[in-house]
Amino acid sequence: MAQTQNPQRPVHEVRYGRVKAAVWENKTSGGTRHNVTVCRIYKDEASGNWRDSQSFGRDDLPLLAKVVDEAHTWIFREGD
């Protein structure tokens, strides 16, 4: 019988338009630490499915800076 795992979910997300930052909580022996992943969301024209990419175009960069800054602020408020 296959075991079903509950996928880990981010503890916080920041999204502006197509750009998203996800904050992940990691419990360590030294306390809780947070990591951040960022992605750009787009719709695949061939399949019609939503996908994500870690590649950002020129017009995405201001949004990328904003979501990363807000993720940073959230982590500091949480006491990391």
PDB file of N, CA and C in Angstrom:
ATOM      1  N   MET A   1       0.841  -1.186   0.000  1.00  0.00           N
ATOM      2  CA  MET A   1       0.000   0.000   0.000  1.00  0.00           C
ATOM      3  C   MET A   1       0.880   1.241   0.000  1.00  0.00           C
ATOM      4  N   ALA A   2       0.613   2.162  -0.899  1.00  0.00           N
ATOM      5  CA  ALA A   2       1.398   3.394  -0.987  1.00  0.00           C
ATOM      6  C   ALA A   2       0.978   4.348   0.113  1.00  0.00           C
ATOM      7  N   GLN A   3       1.976   5.030   0.660  1.00  0.00           N
ATOM      8  CA  GLN A   3       1.688   6.002   1.698  1.00  0.00           C
ATOM      9  C   GLN A   3       1.407   7.355   1.044  1.00  0.00           C
ATOM     10  N   THR A   4       0.410   8.024   1.548  1.00  0.00           N
ATOM     11  CA  THR A   4       0.089   9.352   1.063  1.00  0.00           C
ATOM     12  C   THR A   4       0.734  10.364   1.991  1.00  0.00           C
ATOM     13  N   GLN A   5       1.519  11.266   1.424  1.00  0.00           N
ATOM     14  CA  GLN A   5       2.160  12.293   2.218  1.00  0.00           C
ATOM     15  C   GLN A   5       1.395  13.598   2.049  1.00  0.00           C
ATOM     16  N   ASN A   6       1.310  14.347   3.130  1.00  0.00           N
ATOM     17  CA  ASN A   6       0.738  15.673   3.048  1.00  0.00           C
ATOM     18  C   ASN A   6       1.844  16.617   2.595  1.00  0.00           C
ATOM     19  N   PRO A   7       1.682  17.243   1.446  1.00  0.00           N
ATOM     20  CA  PRO A   7       2.737  18.141   0.989  1.00  0.00           C
ATOM     21  C   PRO A   7       2.861  19.342   1.927  1.00  0.00           C
ATOM     22  N   GLN A   8       4.092  19.766   2.135  1.00  0.00           N
ATOM     23  CA  GLN A   8       4.322  20.937   2.980  1.00  0.00           C
ATOM     24  C   GLN A   8       3.775  22.159   2.261  1.00  0.00           C
ATOM     25  N   ARG A   9       3.134  23.025   2.980  1.00  0.00           N
ATOM     26  CA  ARG A   9       2.570  24.255   2.427  1.00  0.00           C
ATOM     27  C   ARG A   9       3.372  25.439   2.952  1.00  0.00           C
ATOM     28  N   PRO A  10       3.476  26.499   2.165  1.00  0.00           N
ATOM     29  CA  PRO A  10       4.154  27.696   2.672  1.00  0.00           C
ATOM     30  C   PRO A  10       3.374  28.292   3.836  1.00  0.00           C
ATOM     31  N   VAL A  11       4.097  28.935   4.749  1.00  0.00           N
ATOM     32  CA  VAL A  11       3.440  29.584   5.884  1.00  0.00           C
ATOM     33  C   VAL A  11       2.935  30.970   5.517  1.00  0.00           C
ATOM     34  N   HIS A  12       3.424  31.488   4.387  1.00  0.00           N
ATOM     35  CA  HIS A  12       2.974  32.807   3.933  1.00  0.00           C
ATOM     36  C   HIS A  12       3.265  32.932   2.439  1.00  0.00           C
ATOM     37  N   GLU A  13       2.416  33.643   1.724  1.00  0.00           N
ATOM     38  CA  GLU A  13       2.634  33.919   0.306  1.00  0.00           C
ATOM     39  C   GLU A  13       2.380  35.389   0.026  1.00  0.00           C
ATOM     40  N   VAL A  14       3.165  35.927  -0.885  1.00  0.00           N
ATOM     41  CA  VAL A  14       2.976  37.294  -1.365  1.00  0.00           C
ATOM     42  C   VAL A  14       2.875  37.195  -2.882  1.00  0.00           C
ATOM     43  N   ARG A  15       1.852  37.819  -3.446  1.00  0.00           N
ATOM     44  CA  ARG A  15       1.686  37.751  -4.896  1.00  0.00           C
ATOM     45  C   ARG A  15       1.263  39.105  -5.443  1.00  0.00           C
ATOM     46  N   TYR A  16       1.958  39.508  -6.497  1.00  0.00           N
ATOM     47  CA  TYR A  16       1.590  40.693  -7.273  1.00  0.00           C
ATOM     48  C   TYR A  16       1.538  40.262  -8.726  1.00  0.00           C
ATOM     49  N   GLY A  17       0.350  40.301  -9.290  1.00  0.00           N
ATOM     50  CA  GLY A  17       0.208  39.882 -10.677  1.00  0.00           C
ATOM     51  C   GLY A  17       0.662  38.449 -10.867  1.00  0.00           C
ATOM     52  N   ARG A  18       1.606  38.260 -11.769  1.00  0.00           N
ATOM     53  CA  ARG A  18       2.092  36.916 -12.091  1.00  0.00           C
ATOM     54  C   ARG A  18       3.289  36.481 -11.253  1.00  0.00           C
ATOM     55  N   VAL A  19       3.764  37.346 -10.351  1.00  0.00           N
ATOM     56  CA  VAL A  19       4.967  37.049  -9.579  1.00  0.00           C
ATOM     57  C   VAL A  19       4.577  36.721  -8.143  1.00  0.00           C
ATOM     58  N   LYS A  20       5.130  35.609  -7.638  1.00  0.00           N
ATOM     59  CA  LYS A  20       4.753  35.124  -6.307  1.00  0.00           C
ATOM     60  C   LYS A  20       5.995  34.723  -5.512  1.00  0.00           C
ATOM     61  N   ALA A  21       5.973  35.045  -4.217  1.00  0.00           N
ATOM     62  CA  ALA A  21       6.992  34.582  -3.273  1.00  0.00           C
ATOM     63  C   ALA A  21       6.291  33.716  -2.237  1.00  0.00           C
ATOM     64  N   ALA A  22       6.879  32.576  -1.929  1.00  0.00           N
ATOM     65  CA  ALA A  22       6.345  31.676  -0.906  1.00  0.00           C
ATOM     66  C   ALA A  22       7.372  31.572   0.216  1.00  0.00           C
ATOM     67  N   VAL A  23       6.919  31.735   1.452  1.00  0.00           N
ATOM     68  CA  VAL A  23       7.785  31.639   2.627  1.00  0.00           C
ATOM     69  C   VAL A  23       7.570  30.272   3.254  1.00  0.00           C
ATOM     70  N   TRP A  24       8.673  29.547   3.444  1.00  0.00           N
ATOM     71  CA  TRP A  24       8.645  28.190   3.988  1.00  0.00           C
ATOM     72  C   TRP A  24       9.263  28.183   5.371  1.00  0.00           C
ATOM     73  N   GLU A  25       8.656  27.461   6.285  1.00  0.00           N
ATOM     74  CA  GLU A  25       9.158  27.351   7.665  1.00  0.00           C
ATOM     75  C   GLU A  25       9.955  26.063   7.818  1.00  0.00           C
ATOM     76  N   ASN A  26      11.137  26.180   8.400  1.00  0.00           N
ATOM     77  CA  ASN A  26      11.987  25.028   8.660  1.00  0.00           C
ATOM     78  C   ASN A  26      12.370  25.020  10.138  1.00  0.00           C
ATOM     79  N   LYS A  27      11.941  24.009  10.829  1.00  0.00           N
ATOM     80  CA  LYS A  27      12.285  23.870  12.250  1.00  0.00           C
ATOM     81  C   LYS A  27      13.636  23.176  12.341  1.00  0.00           C
ATOM     82  N   THR A  28      14.571  23.796  13.061  1.00  0.00           N
ATOM     83  CA  THR A  28      15.902  23.230  13.251  1.00  0.00           C
ATOM     84  C   THR A  28      16.215  23.184  14.729  1.00  0.00           C
ATOM     85  N   SER A  29      17.316  22.524  15.064  1.00  0.00           N
ATOM     86  CA  SER A  29      17.717  22.477  16.476  1.00  0.00           C
ATOM     87  C   SER A  29      18.077  23.870  16.988  1.00  0.00           C
ATOM     88  N   GLY A  30      18.416  24.773  16.091  1.00  0.00           N
ATOM     89  CA  GLY A  30      18.740  26.149  16.479  1.00  0.00           C
ATOM     90  C   GLY A  30      17.543  27.082  16.451  1.00  0.00           C
ATOM     91  N   GLY A  31      16.368  26.545  16.183  1.00  0.00           N
ATOM     92  CA  GLY A  31      15.158  27.373  16.136  1.00  0.00           C
ATOM     93  C   GLY A  31      14.525  27.324  14.757  1.00  0.00           C
ATOM     94  N   THR A  32      13.505  28.112  14.588  1.00  0.00           N
ATOM     95  CA  THR A  32      12.784  28.160  13.319  1.00  0.00           C
ATOM     96  C   THR A  32      13.499  29.084  12.351  1.00  0.00           C
ATOM     97  N   ARG A  33      13.655  28.628  11.132  1.00  0.00           N
ATOM     98  CA  ARG A  33      14.244  29.416  10.054  1.00  0.00           C
ATOM     99  C   ARG A  33      13.245  29.464   8.901  1.00  0.00           C
ATOM    100  N   HIS A  34      13.359  30.509   8.114  1.00  0.00           N
ATOM    101  CA  HIS A  34      12.470  30.658   6.968  1.00  0.00           C
ATOM    102  C   HIS A  34      13.282  30.753   5.686  1.00  0.00           C
ATOM    103  N   ASN A  35      12.778  30.138   4.636  1.00  0.00           N
ATOM    104  CA  ASN A  35      13.342  30.239   3.297  1.00  0.00           C
ATOM    105  C   ASN A  35      12.260  30.769   2.372  1.00  0.00           C
ATOM    106  N   VAL A  36      12.680  31.373   1.272  1.00  0.00           N
ATOM    107  CA  VAL A  36      11.736  31.961   0.325  1.00  0.00           C
ATOM    108  C   VAL A  36      12.015  31.421  -1.079  1.00  0.00           C
ATOM    109  N   THR A  37      10.957  31.017  -1.759  1.00  0.00           N
ATOM    110  CA  THR A  37      11.048  30.669  -3.172  1.00  0.00           C
ATOM    111  C   THR A  37      10.218  31.674  -3.954  1.00  0.00           C
ATOM    112  N   VAL A  38      10.646  31.973  -5.175  1.00  0.00           N
ATOM    113  CA  VAL A  38       9.914  32.914  -6.019  1.00  0.00           C
ATOM    114  C   VAL A  38       9.638  32.270  -7.374  1.00  0.00           C
ATOM    115  N   CYS A  39       8.534  32.653  -7.974  1.00  0.00           N
ATOM    116  CA  CYS A  39       8.205  32.131  -9.292  1.00  0.00           C
ATOM    117  C   CYS A  39       7.335  33.125 -10.046  1.00  0.00           C
ATOM    118  N   ARG A  40       7.288  32.910 -11.350  1.00  0.00           N
ATOM    119  CA  ARG A  40       6.405  33.666 -12.235  1.00  0.00           C
ATOM    120  C   ARG A  40       5.378  32.671 -12.761  1.00  0.00           C
ATOM    121  N   ILE A  41       4.115  33.015 -12.660  1.00  0.00           N
ATOM    122  CA  ILE A  41       3.027  32.135 -13.073  1.00  0.00           C
ATOM    123  C   ILE A  41       2.614  32.509 -14.493  1.00  0.00           C
ATOM    124  N   TYR A  42       2.395  31.492 -15.336  1.00  0.00           N
ATOM    125  CA  TYR A  42       1.952  31.743 -16.706  1.00  0.00           C
ATOM    126  C   TYR A  42       1.066  30.595 -17.174  1.00  0.00           C
ATOM    127  N   LYS A  43       0.281  30.867 -18.193  1.00  0.00           N
ATOM    128  CA  LYS A  43      -0.597  29.850 -18.764  1.00  0.00           C
ATOM    129  C   LYS A  43       0.053  29.303 -20.027  1.00  0.00           C
ATOM    130  N   ASP A  44       0.258  27.997 -20.059  1.00  0.00           N
ATOM    131  CA  ASP A  44       0.845  27.322 -21.214  1.00  0.00           C
ATOM    132  C   ASP A  44      -0.161  27.371 -22.358  1.00  0.00           C
ATOM    133  N   GLU A  45       0.225  28.016 -23.441  1.00  0.00           N
ATOM    134  CA  GLU A  45      -0.704  28.178 -24.573  1.00  0.00           C
ATOM    135  C   GLU A  45      -1.067  26.847 -25.214  1.00  0.00           C
ATOM    136  N   ALA A  46      -0.124  25.921 -25.260  1.00  0.00           N
ATOM    137  CA  ALA A  46      -0.378  24.634 -25.926  1.00  0.00           C
ATOM    138  C   ALA A  46      -1.380  23.781 -25.155  1.00  0.00           C
ATOM    139  N   SER A  47      -1.212  23.697 -23.835  1.00  0.00           N
ATOM    140  CA  SER A  47      -2.067  22.818 -23.040  1.00  0.00           C
ATOM    141  C   SER A  47      -3.207  23.554 -22.338  1.00  0.00           C
ATOM    142  N   GLY A  48      -3.037  24.868 -22.157  1.00  0.00           N
ATOM    143  CA  GLY A  48      -4.035  25.633 -21.416  1.00  0.00           C
ATOM    144  C   GLY A  48      -3.877  25.514 -19.913  1.00  0.00           C
ATOM    145  N   ASN A  49      -2.842  24.787 -19.451  1.00  0.00           N
ATOM    146  CA  ASN A  49      -2.602  24.601 -18.018  1.00  0.00           C
ATOM    147  C   ASN A  49      -1.738  25.727 -17.463  1.00  0.00           C
ATOM    148  N   TRP A  50      -1.943  26.008 -16.169  1.00  0.00           N
ATOM    149  CA  TRP A  50      -1.108  26.996 -15.487  1.00  0.00           C
ATOM    150  C   TRP A  50       0.201  26.342 -15.084  1.00  0.00           C
ATOM    151  N   ARG A  51       1.286  27.058 -15.276  1.00  0.00           N
ATOM    152  CA  ARG A  51       2.629  26.582 -14.942  1.00  0.00           C
ATOM    153  C   ARG A  51       3.368  27.682 -14.193  1.00  0.00           C
ATOM    154  N   ASP A  52       4.539  27.348 -13.672  1.00  0.00           N
ATOM    155  CA  ASP A  52       5.370  28.390 -13.079  1.00  0.00           C
ATOM    156  C   ASP A  52       6.797  28.260 -13.572  1.00  0.00           C
ATOM    157  N   SER A  53       7.512  29.362 -13.486  1.00  0.00           N
ATOM    158  CA  SER A  53       8.879  29.443 -13.974  1.00  0.00           C
ATOM    159  C   SER A  53       9.707  30.252 -12.987  1.00  0.00           C
ATOM    160  N   GLN A  54      10.990  29.991 -12.946  1.00  0.00           N
ATOM    161  CA  GLN A  54      11.905  30.774 -12.124  1.00  0.00           C
ATOM    162  C   GLN A  54      12.659  31.782 -12.991  1.00  0.00           C
ATOM    163  N   SER A  55      12.173  32.016 -14.184  1.00  0.00           N
ATOM    164  CA  SER A  55      12.752  32.976 -15.112  1.00  0.00           C
ATOM    165  C   SER A  55      11.862  34.217 -15.143  1.00  0.00           C
ATOM    166  N   PHE A  56      12.496  35.384 -15.111  1.00  0.00           N
ATOM    167  CA  PHE A  56      11.745  36.637 -15.033  1.00  0.00           C
ATOM    168  C   PHE A  56      12.177  37.576 -16.146  1.00  0.00           C
ATOM    169  N   GLY A  57      11.219  38.213 -16.770  1.00  0.00           N
ATOM    170  CA  GLY A  57      11.500  39.198 -17.803  1.00  0.00           C
ATOM    171  C   GLY A  57      11.697  40.575 -17.199  1.00  0.00           C
ATOM    172  N   ARG A  58      12.084  41.504 -18.046  1.00  0.00           N
ATOM    173  CA  ARG A  58      12.336  42.884 -17.620  1.00  0.00           C
ATOM    174  C   ARG A  58      11.153  43.476 -16.865  1.00  0.00           C
ATOM    175  N   ASP A  59       9.953  43.284 -17.373  1.00  0.00           N
ATOM    176  CA  ASP A  59       8.775  43.888 -16.744  1.00  0.00           C
ATOM    177  C   ASP A  59       8.363  43.186 -15.457  1.00  0.00           C
ATOM    178  N   ASP A  60       8.896  41.995 -15.215  1.00  0.00           N
ATOM    179  CA  ASP A  60       8.604  41.270 -13.976  1.00  0.00           C
ATOM    180  C   ASP A  60       9.476  41.752 -12.815  1.00  0.00           C
ATOM    181  N   LEU A  61      10.615  42.361 -13.113  1.00  0.00           N
ATOM    182  CA  LEU A  61      11.599  42.668 -12.074  1.00  0.00           C
ATOM    183  C   LEU A  61      11.097  43.610 -10.976  1.00  0.00           C
ATOM    184  N   PRO A  62      10.341  44.673 -11.289  1.00  0.00           N
ATOM    185  CA  PRO A  62       9.811  45.495 -10.189  1.00  0.00           C
ATOM    186  C   PRO A  62       8.883  44.699  -9.259  1.00  0.00           C
ATOM    187  N   LEU A  63       8.064  43.812  -9.838  1.00  0.00           N
ATOM    188  CA  LEU A  63       7.178  42.983  -9.011  1.00  0.00           C
ATOM    189  C   LEU A  63       7.982  41.980  -8.198  1.00  0.00           C
ATOM    190  N   LEU A  64       9.026  41.432  -8.790  1.00  0.00           N
ATOM    191  CA  LEU A  64       9.900  40.504  -8.073  1.00  0.00           C
ATOM    192  C   LEU A  64      10.517  41.191  -6.855  1.00  0.00           C
ATOM    193  N   ALA A  65      11.023  42.398  -7.052  1.00  0.00           N
ATOM    194  CA  ALA A  65      11.611  43.149  -5.935  1.00  0.00           C
ATOM    195  C   ALA A  65      10.579  43.387  -4.840  1.00  0.00           C
ATOM    196  N   LYS A  66       9.362  43.704  -5.230  1.00  0.00           N
ATOM    197  CA  LYS A  66       8.301  43.997  -4.256  1.00  0.00           C
ATOM    198  C   LYS A  66       7.912  42.755  -3.456  1.00  0.00           C
ATOM    199  N   VAL A  67       7.724  41.606  -4.120  1.00  0.00           N
ATOM    200  CA  VAL A  67       7.313  40.406  -3.378  1.00  0.00           C
ATOM    201  C   VAL A  67       8.437  39.921  -2.463  1.00  0.00           C
ATOM    202  N   VAL A  68       9.679  40.042  -2.905  1.00  0.00           N
ATOM    203  CA  VAL A  68      10.806  39.627  -2.064  1.00  0.00           C
ATOM    204  C   VAL A  68      10.924  40.549  -0.851  1.00  0.00           C
ATOM    205  N   ASP A  69      10.737  41.859  -1.048  1.00  0.00           N
ATOM    206  CA  ASP A  69      10.791  42.803   0.066  1.00  0.00           C
ATOM    207  C   ASP A  69       9.687  42.509   1.080  1.00  0.00           C
ATOM    208  N   GLU A  70       8.477  42.237   0.607  1.00  0.00           N
ATOM    209  CA  GLU A  70       7.376  41.945   1.531  1.00  0.00           C
ATOM    210  C   GLU A  70       7.576  40.616   2.251  1.00  0.00           C
ATOM    211  N   ALA A  71       8.149  39.621   1.574  1.00  0.00           N
ATOM    212  CA  ALA A  71       8.460  38.352   2.244  1.00  0.00           C
ATOM    213  C   ALA A  71       9.493  38.589   3.340  1.00  0.00           C
ATOM    214  N   HIS A  72      10.495  39.394   3.058  1.00  0.00           N
ATOM    215  CA  HIS A  72      11.531  39.741   4.037  1.00  0.00           C
ATOM    216  C   HIS A  72      10.912  40.420   5.260  1.00  0.00           C
ATOM    217  N   THR A  73      10.032  41.380   5.016  1.00  0.00           N
ATOM    218  CA  THR A  73       9.353  42.080   6.120  1.00  0.00           C
ATOM    219  C   THR A  73       8.542  41.105   6.959  1.00  0.00           C
ATOM    220  N   TRP A  74       7.810  40.197   6.324  1.00  0.00           N
ATOM    221  CA  TRP A  74       6.995  39.226   7.060  1.00  0.00           C
ATOM    222  C   TRP A  74       7.876  38.339   7.943  1.00  0.00           C
ATOM    223  N   ILE A  75       9.006  37.881   7.409  1.00  0.00           N
ATOM    224  CA  ILE A  75       9.908  37.015   8.184  1.00  0.00           C
ATOM    225  C   ILE A  75      10.430  37.772   9.396  1.00  0.00           C
ATOM    226  N   PHE A  76      10.814  39.023   9.254  1.00  0.00           N
ATOM    227  CA  PHE A  76      11.312  39.798  10.401  1.00  0.00           C
ATOM    228  C   PHE A  76      10.221  40.010  11.440  1.00  0.00           C
ATOM    229  N   ARG A  77       8.992  40.196  11.014  1.00  0.00           N
ATOM    230  CA  ARG A  77       7.892  40.363  11.968  1.00  0.00           C
ATOM    231  C   ARG A  77       7.628  39.059  12.727  1.00  0.00           C
ATOM    232  N   GLU A  78       7.897  37.934  12.080  1.00  0.00           N
ATOM    233  CA  GLU A  78       7.713  36.632  12.725  1.00  0.00           C
ATOM    234  C   GLU A  78       8.861  36.288  13.671  1.00  0.00           C
ATOM    235  N   GLY A  79       9.939  37.056  13.632  1.00  0.00           N
ATOM    236  CA  GLY A  79      11.024  36.866  14.589  1.00  0.00           C
ATOM    237  C   GLY A  79      12.123  35.924  14.166  1.00  0.00           C
ATOM    238  N   ASP A  80      12.327  35.725  12.860  1.00  0.00           N
ATOM    239  CA  ASP A  80      13.394  34.832  12.388  1.00  0.00           C
ATOM    240  C   ASP A  80      14.741  35.507  12.503  1.00  0.00           C
TER     241      ASP A  80
END
